[in-house]
């Protein structure tokens, strides 16, 4: 659980916004309306916390690892691993948050019904009921980053078989909702013949800008995820053949001239006792004089590779990406092997470029 400093700013802003409501509902409070408003906001933040706890518990129940649960200026968020996410469990994790607020709203409403209408406790329960209901309804709107957007994403994902298509649809819906918030803050009071409240317009603009930014970020993240899932080391790697480290430069040159894989000259990976120890540097290979090539061993033109600079060519998608990231911590270049046989030479920069095309 993390309470970000921006959440305290949210408490102050909402306390100020709720003061007129508290005064209008209970004029007898007088100067204590500010304290009453603060209590309401704290109750609302507790509701947001329980909303996020519900997400976290649902994620854990689906075998996910929860990384963070935080309260922020925008309310809160729960971050969890989504390596094994399906449309069904993604929708389940998303919907439990708003359902929690609906349960809290119902409990507050029944509590309100049991209290004298003019009591301070009745006021707190009344506002809490409507605030939780509003949070639930707002979160169920079908646009990212809202929970309803994640549900919409899951529905499109299930219908099309493409998570990216689901994200695109939900992200654009979120962008439309973001613009709609600002339009509504101006249009609704205007159509009612009331004065447009600058504070509400600014507030709607802040929330709208956050929603637009978060929807755009979700879209970029989904595109990156799709690229990772499409990764194939056999396609990314330069084709390579393995030769013994004591092979001569003359023999290596002959191998590079005669061996082409897929029309591409093969890279030469040097092995020692069946273990890849390095690869031939083309510039160093070309620099060896012809009259010395037959007496010079390949290890003299080798770029050494540290142990562990190998990835399994049978891996695909996220599994390969994780293995490549691990191998890149040892070396910027690593060998691709399939069933113990060297098949390619791959650079970490090429993997990164395939993932981050833009």
Protein backbone atom coordinates (compact mmCIF):
# COMPACT_ATOMS: atom_id res chain seq x y z
CA UNK A 1 0.00 0.00 0.00
CA UNK A 2 1.39 3.39 -1.03
CA UNK A 3 -0.05 6.82 -0.25
CA UNK A 4 1.36 9.23 -2.78
CA UNK A 5 1.74 12.91 -1.75
CA UNK A 6 -0.61 13.91 -4.58
CA UNK A 7 -3.41 12.07 -2.74
CA UNK A 8 -3.20 14.70 0.00
CA UNK A 9 -3.73 17.40 -2.62
CA UNK A 10 -6.84 15.49 -3.72
CA UNK A 11 -8.11 15.51 -0.11
CA UNK A 12 -7.70 19.29 0.12
CA UNK A 13 -9.37 19.96 -3.24
CA UNK A 14 -12.34 17.68 -2.56
CA UNK A 15 -12.76 19.10 0.96
CA UNK A 16 -13.09 22.59 -0.54
CA UNK A 17 -15.53 21.35 -3.20
CA UNK A 18 -17.74 19.54 -0.65
CA UNK A 19 -18.07 22.45 1.81
CA UNK A 20 -21.01 24.15 -0.03
CA UNK A 21 -22.82 20.79 -0.23
CA UNK A 22 -22.36 20.14 3.49
CA UNK A 23 -23.56 23.65 4.40
CA UNK A 24 -26.65 23.40 2.20
CA UNK A 25 -27.61 20.03 3.67
CA UNK A 26 -26.98 21.00 7.29
CA UNK A 27 -26.84 24.80 7.83
CA UNK A 28 -26.59 24.25 11.59
CA UNK A 29 -22.99 23.09 11.20
CA UNK A 30 -21.83 26.64 10.51
CA UNK A 31 -18.04 26.88 10.63
CA UNK A 32 -17.86 23.15 11.31
CA UNK A 33 -18.88 22.50 7.71
CA UNK A 34 -15.20 22.36 6.75
CA UNK A 35 -14.57 19.62 9.31
CA UNK A 36 -17.64 17.78 8.10
CA UNK A 37 -16.46 18.07 4.52
CA UNK A 38 -13.05 16.70 5.50
CA UNK A 39 -14.66 13.70 7.20
CA UNK A 40 -16.66 13.02 4.03
CA UNK A 41 -13.52 13.13 1.89
CA UNK A 42 -11.68 10.79 4.25
CA UNK A 43 -14.63 8.40 4.04
CA UNK A 44 -14.47 8.64 0.25
CA UNK A 45 -10.72 7.91 0.24
CA UNK A 46 -11.38 4.85 2.41
CA UNK A 47 -13.91 3.76 -0.21
CA UNK A 48 -11.29 4.23 -2.94
CA UNK A 49 -8.84 2.21 -0.87
CA UNK A 50 -11.34 -0.64 -0.50
CA UNK A 51 -12.00 -0.40 -4.25
CA UNK A 52 -8.30 -0.99 -4.93
CA UNK A 53 -8.07 -3.74 -2.30
CA UNK A 54 -10.86 -5.54 -4.16
CA UNK A 55 -8.85 -5.33 -7.38
CA UNK A 56 -5.75 -6.65 -5.59
CA UNK A 57 -7.58 -9.58 -3.98
CA UNK A 58 -9.25 -10.47 -7.28
CA UNK A 59 -5.90 -10.37 -9.08
CA UNK A 60 -4.32 -12.63 -6.45
CA UNK A 61 -7.22 -15.05 -6.72
CA UNK A 62 -6.42 -15.37 -10.44
CA UNK A 63 -2.77 -16.19 -9.77
CA UNK A 64 -1.45 -12.69 -10.52
CA UNK A 65 1.34 -11.01 -8.58
CA UNK A 66 0.29 -7.62 -7.20
CA UNK A 67 3.14 -5.12 -7.45
CA UNK A 68 1.54 -1.97 -6.09
CA UNK A 69 -1.62 -0.62 -4.52
CA UNK A 70 -1.58 3.17 -4.34
CA UNK A 71 -3.79 6.15 -3.56
CA UNK A 72 -3.03 9.09 -5.84
CA UNK A 73 -4.35 12.49 -6.90
CA UNK A 74 -6.64 10.71 -9.37
CA UNK A 75 -7.98 8.23 -6.84
CA UNK A 76 -5.98 5.02 -6.88
CA UNK A 77 -4.54 2.21 -8.93
CA UNK A 78 -3.51 -1.40 -8.54
CA UNK A 79 -0.60 -2.74 -10.57
CA UNK A 80 -0.29 -6.48 -11.12
CA UNK A 81 1.46 -8.87 -13.50
CA UNK A 82 -0.68 -9.75 -16.51
CA UNK A 83 1.39 -12.51 -18.09
CA UNK A 84 -1.48 -15.00 -17.79
CA UNK A 85 -4.38 -12.62 -18.30
CA UNK A 86 -7.42 -13.78 -20.27
CA UNK A 87 -10.50 -11.76 -21.27
CA UNK A 88 -12.51 -13.43 -18.52
CA UNK A 89 -10.16 -12.88 -15.59
CA UNK A 90 -9.27 -9.35 -16.78
CA UNK A 91 -12.96 -8.45 -16.76
CA UNK A 92 -13.42 -10.08 -13.36
CA UNK A 93 -10.53 -8.14 -11.81
CA UNK A 94 -11.88 -4.90 -13.28
CA UNK A 95 -15.52 -5.28 -12.23
CA UNK A 96 -14.94 -6.10 -8.54
CA UNK A 97 -13.78 -2.53 -7.83
CA UNK A 98 -17.03 -0.79 -8.87
CA UNK A 99 -19.05 -3.62 -7.30
CA UNK A 100 -17.30 -2.90 -4.00
CA UNK A 101 -18.37 0.75 -4.23
CA UNK A 102 -21.95 -0.28 -5.01
CA UNK A 103 -21.98 -2.49 -1.90
CA UNK A 104 -20.60 0.37 0.18
CA UNK A 105 -23.22 2.72 -1.31
CA UNK A 106 -26.03 0.30 -0.42
CA UNK A 107 -24.69 -0.15 3.13
CA UNK A 108 -24.42 3.63 3.62
CA UNK A 109 -27.92 4.16 2.24
CA UNK A 110 -29.48 1.63 4.59
CA UNK A 111 -27.53 3.19 7.44
CA UNK A 112 -28.85 6.61 6.45
CA UNK A 113 -32.42 5.30 6.49
CA UNK A 114 -32.00 4.22 10.12
CA UNK A 115 -30.80 7.65 11.32
CA UNK A 116 -32.68 10.88 12.10
CA UNK A 117 -32.59 12.88 8.87
CA UNK A 118 -31.10 15.97 10.55
CA UNK A 119 -28.22 14.24 12.35
CA UNK A 120 -24.61 14.70 11.27
CA UNK A 121 -24.22 10.92 10.92
CA UNK A 122 -27.17 10.81 8.55
CA UNK A 123 -25.53 13.50 6.44
CA UNK A 124 -22.27 11.55 6.30
CA UNK A 125 -24.03 8.33 5.34
CA UNK A 126 -26.20 10.09 2.76
CA UNK A 127 -23.28 11.74 0.98
CA UNK A 128 -21.18 8.56 1.29
CA UNK A 129 -23.95 6.55 -0.37
CA UNK A 130 -24.18 8.91 -3.33
CA UNK A 131 -20.40 9.38 -3.57
CA UNK A 132 -19.80 5.61 -3.71
CA UNK A 133 -22.59 5.18 -6.22
CA UNK A 134 -21.09 7.96 -8.34
CA UNK A 135 -17.60 6.41 -8.15
CA UNK A 136 -19.04 3.04 -9.21
CA UNK A 137 -21.04 4.45 -12.12
CA UNK A 138 -18.16 6.64 -13.32
CA UNK A 139 -15.71 3.73 -13.15
CA UNK A 140 -18.07 1.56 -15.19
CA UNK A 141 -18.00 3.97 -18.14
CA UNK A 142 -16.58 1.98 -21.11
CA UNK A 143 -13.31 3.80 -21.67
CA UNK A 144 -9.74 3.32 -20.50
CA UNK A 145 -8.27 3.84 -17.95
CA UNK A 146 -11.56 3.26 -16.11
CA UNK A 147 -12.61 -0.19 -14.97
CA UNK A 148 -15.43 -0.12 -17.49
CA UNK A 149 -12.81 0.46 -20.18
CA UNK A 150 -10.96 -2.66 -19.08
CA UNK A 151 -14.24 -4.58 -19.23
CA UNK A 152 -14.90 -3.20 -22.73
CA UNK A 153 -11.34 -4.16 -23.72
CA UNK A 154 -11.98 -7.70 -22.49
CA UNK A 155 -15.25 -7.99 -24.43
CA UNK A 156 -13.67 -6.90 -27.73
CA UNK A 157 -10.65 -9.10 -26.97
CA UNK A 158 -12.91 -12.13 -26.45
CA UNK A 159 -14.91 -11.41 -29.63
CA UNK A 160 -11.94 -10.75 -31.91
CA UNK A 161 -9.21 -12.83 -30.29
CA UNK A 162 -6.96 -9.76 -30.29
CA UNK A 163 -6.14 -7.94 -27.08
CA UNK A 164 -4.66 -5.08 -29.09
CA UNK A 165 -7.98 -4.51 -30.88
CA UNK A 166 -9.72 -4.48 -27.52
CA UNK A 167 -7.29 -1.89 -26.19
CA UNK A 168 -7.63 0.29 -29.29
CA UNK A 169 -11.43 0.32 -28.97
CA UNK A 170 -11.38 1.00 -25.21
CA UNK A 171 -8.63 3.62 -25.49
CA UNK A 172 -10.50 5.63 -28.13
CA UNK A 173 -13.66 5.34 -26.05
CA UNK A 174 -11.67 6.71 -23.10
CA UNK A 175 -10.46 9.63 -25.19
CA UNK A 176 -14.03 10.43 -26.25
CA UNK A 177 -15.14 10.32 -22.61
CA UNK A 178 -12.25 12.62 -21.65
CA UNK A 179 -13.40 15.24 -24.12
CA UNK A 180 -17.03 14.64 -23.12
CA UNK A 181 -16.28 15.50 -19.49
CA UNK A 182 -15.06 18.97 -20.40
CA UNK A 183 -17.91 19.52 -22.84
CA UNK A 184 -20.44 18.43 -20.20
CA UNK A 185 -18.95 20.79 -17.58
CA UNK A 186 -19.73 23.68 -19.94
CA UNK A 187 -22.81 22.47 -21.79
CA UNK A 188 -24.94 21.15 -18.88
CA UNK A 189 -25.12 24.41 -16.87
CA UNK A 190 -25.45 26.42 -20.08
CA UNK A 191 -28.46 24.40 -21.23
CA UNK A 192 -30.00 24.79 -17.79
CA UNK A 193 -29.56 28.54 -17.95
CA UNK A 194 -27.09 28.46 -15.07
CA UNK A 195 -23.67 30.04 -14.77
CA UNK A 196 -20.72 27.89 -15.85
CA UNK A 197 -18.52 27.17 -12.83
CA UNK A 198 -14.87 27.78 -13.71
CA UNK A 199 -13.70 25.46 -10.94
CA UNK A 200 -15.80 22.58 -12.33
CA UNK A 201 -14.48 23.21 -15.84
CA UNK A 202 -10.90 23.17 -14.56
CA UNK A 203 -11.60 20.03 -12.54
CA UNK A 204 -13.20 18.32 -15.56
CA UNK A 205 -10.24 19.42 -17.67
CA UNK A 206 -7.76 17.90 -15.22
CA UNK A 207 -9.63 14.60 -15.07
CA UNK A 208 -10.11 14.62 -18.83
CA UNK A 209 -6.42 15.25 -19.50
CA UNK A 210 -5.50 12.42 -17.15
CA UNK A 211 -7.93 10.05 -18.89
CA UNK A 212 -6.64 11.02 -22.34
CA UNK A 213 -3.03 10.54 -21.25
CA UNK A 214 -3.74 7.22 -19.51
CA UNK A 215 -5.72 5.89 -22.49
CA UNK A 216 -2.86 6.85 -24.81
CA UNK A 217 -0.38 5.16 -22.47
CA UNK A 218 -2.50 1.98 -22.33
CA UNK A 219 -2.62 1.92 -26.12
CA UNK A 220 1.17 2.28 -26.40
CA UNK A 221 1.67 -0.42 -23.76
CA UNK A 222 -0.69 -2.78 -25.61
CA UNK A 223 1.15 -2.23 -28.88
CA UNK A 224 4.43 -2.99 -27.13
CA UNK A 225 2.88 -6.12 -25.59
CA UNK A 226 1.70 -7.25 -29.05
CA UNK A 227 5.21 -6.76 -30.47
CA UNK A 228 6.69 -8.77 -27.61
CA UNK A 229 4.23 -11.60 -28.20
CA UNK A 230 5.27 -11.65 -31.88
CA UNK A 231 9.01 -11.96 -31.14
CA UNK A 232 10.77 -14.90 -32.78
CA UNK A 233 14.54 -15.27 -32.24
CA UNK A 234 14.97 -17.24 -35.44
CA UNK A 235 13.67 -14.28 -37.44
CA UNK A 236 15.55 -11.60 -35.54
CA UNK A 237 18.95 -13.27 -35.36
CA UNK A 238 21.60 -13.21 -38.06
CA UNK A 239 22.10 -16.82 -39.22
CA UNK A 240 25.21 -18.38 -37.72
CA UNK A 241 27.28 -21.54 -37.82
CA UNK A 242 29.49 -22.95 -35.09
CA UNK A 243 33.15 -23.74 -35.66
CA UNK A 244 35.85 -24.84 -33.29
CA UNK A 245 37.85 -22.08 -31.66
CA UNK A 246 41.09 -23.51 -33.06
CA UNK A 247 39.88 -23.32 -36.66
CA UNK A 248 42.22 -21.22 -38.82
CA UNK A 249 41.33 -17.83 -40.25
CA UNK A 250 41.68 -19.29 -43.77
CA UNK A 251 39.07 -21.93 -42.92
CA UNK A 252 36.76 -19.37 -41.38
CA UNK A 253 36.97 -17.26 -44.53
CA UNK A 254 36.08 -20.27 -46.62
CA UNK A 255 33.15 -21.05 -44.36
CA UNK A 256 31.78 -17.50 -44.58
CA UNK A 257 32.10 -17.56 -48.39
CA UNK A 258 30.49 -20.97 -48.86
CA UNK A 259 27.84 -20.94 -46.12
CA UNK A 260 24.75 -18.88 -46.71
CA UNK A 261 21.58 -19.36 -44.72
CA UNK A 262 18.48 -17.89 -46.34
CA UNK A 263 20.71 -16.07 -48.84
CA UNK A 264 22.56 -14.29 -46.03
CA UNK A 265 26.25 -14.99 -45.27
CA UNK A 266 26.47 -16.83 -41.99
CA UNK A 267 28.04 -15.34 -38.88
CA UNK A 268 30.68 -17.55 -37.29
CA UNK A 269 30.29 -18.50 -33.64
CA UNK A 270 33.34 -20.07 -32.05
CA UNK A 271 32.86 -22.96 -29.67
CA UNK A 272 35.14 -24.70 -27.23
CA UNK A 273 34.07 -28.12 -25.97
CA UNK A 274 30.58 -27.52 -27.43
CA UNK A 275 30.21 -24.20 -25.54
CA UNK A 276 29.92 -20.88 -27.39
CA UNK A 277 32.80 -18.68 -26.31
CA UNK A 278 32.65 -15.85 -28.84
CA UNK A 279 32.02 -14.81 -32.42
CA UNK A 280 34.27 -13.76 -35.28
CA UNK A 281 34.73 -10.03 -35.78
CA UNK A 282 34.38 -9.41 -39.54
CA UNK A 283 36.72 -6.40 -39.56
CA UNK A 284 39.42 -8.29 -37.65
CA UNK A 285 38.96 -11.28 -39.95
CA UNK A 286 39.48 -9.13 -43.05
CA UNK A 287 42.55 -7.47 -41.52
CA UNK A 288 44.55 -10.73 -41.27
CA UNK A 289 47.06 -10.87 -44.17
CA UNK A 290 46.37 -13.64 -46.66
CA UNK A 291 49.81 -15.16 -46.18
CA UNK A 292 49.17 -15.48 -42.44
CA UNK A 293 45.57 -16.72 -42.62
CA UNK A 294 46.43 -20.42 -42.70
CA UNK A 295 48.62 -20.13 -39.61
CA UNK A 296 46.33 -17.86 -37.57
CA UNK A 297 43.67 -19.41 -35.38
CA UNK A 298 40.15 -18.04 -35.24
CA UNK A 299 40.31 -17.14 -31.55
CA UNK A 300 42.69 -14.29 -32.49
CA UNK A 301 39.85 -12.52 -34.37
CA UNK A 302 37.21 -13.44 -31.82
CA UNK A 303 34.98 -11.17 -29.75
CA UNK A 304 34.65 -13.07 -26.48
CA UNK A 305 31.25 -13.75 -24.96
CA UNK A 306 30.75 -14.16 -21.21
CA UNK A 307 29.12 -17.35 -19.89
CA UNK A 308 25.35 -17.27 -20.16
CA UNK A 309 25.26 -15.24 -23.39
CA UNK A 310 22.93 -17.80 -24.94
CA UNK A 311 19.17 -17.88 -25.53
CA UNK A 312 16.95 -20.78 -26.50
CA UNK A 313 15.80 -20.43 -30.10
CA UNK A 314 12.70 -22.44 -29.28
CA UNK A 315 11.31 -19.65 -27.10
CA UNK A 316 8.76 -17.20 -28.44
CA UNK A 317 7.01 -14.03 -27.35
CA UNK A 318 7.24 -12.93 -23.72
CA UNK A 319 9.32 -15.99 -22.72
CA UNK A 320 11.94 -15.15 -25.32
CA UNK A 321 11.87 -11.46 -24.42
CA UNK A 322 12.54 -12.29 -20.77
CA UNK A 323 15.42 -14.58 -21.75
CA UNK A 324 16.87 -11.92 -24.08
CA UNK A 325 16.70 -9.27 -21.35
CA UNK A 326 18.50 -11.63 -18.99
CA UNK A 327 21.18 -12.44 -21.57
CA UNK A 328 21.64 -8.75 -22.46
CA UNK A 329 22.72 -8.07 -18.88
CA UNK A 330 25.78 -10.18 -19.60
CA UNK A 331 26.49 -9.14 -23.17
CA UNK A 332 24.99 -6.88 -25.88
CA UNK A 333 25.37 -9.82 -28.29
CA UNK A 334 24.23 -13.37 -27.61
CA UNK A 335 24.02 -16.70 -29.35
CA UNK A 336 20.75 -18.35 -30.32
CA UNK A 337 20.75 -22.15 -29.96
CA UNK A 338 18.09 -24.69 -30.88
CA UNK A 339 18.32 -28.22 -29.47
CA UNK A 340 21.92 -27.49 -28.52
CA UNK A 341 22.86 -26.35 -32.04
CA UNK A 342 23.98 -22.80 -32.84
CA UNK A 343 21.52 -21.20 -35.27
CA UNK A 344 22.02 -17.47 -34.92
CA UNK A 345 23.76 -14.45 -33.49
CA UNK A 346 21.52 -11.78 -32.03
CA UNK A 347 22.09 -8.27 -30.75
CA UNK A 348 20.11 -6.89 -27.83
CA UNK A 349 19.66 -3.65 -29.78
CA UNK A 350 17.78 -5.56 -32.49
CA UNK A 351 15.39 -7.05 -29.91
CA UNK A 352 14.80 -3.60 -28.41
CA UNK A 353 14.20 -2.14 -31.87
CA UNK A 354 11.63 -4.84 -32.67
CA UNK A 355 9.75 -4.04 -29.45
CA UNK A 356 9.95 -0.24 -29.66
CA UNK A 357 9.35 0.42 -33.34
CA UNK A 358 8.16 3.95 -32.70
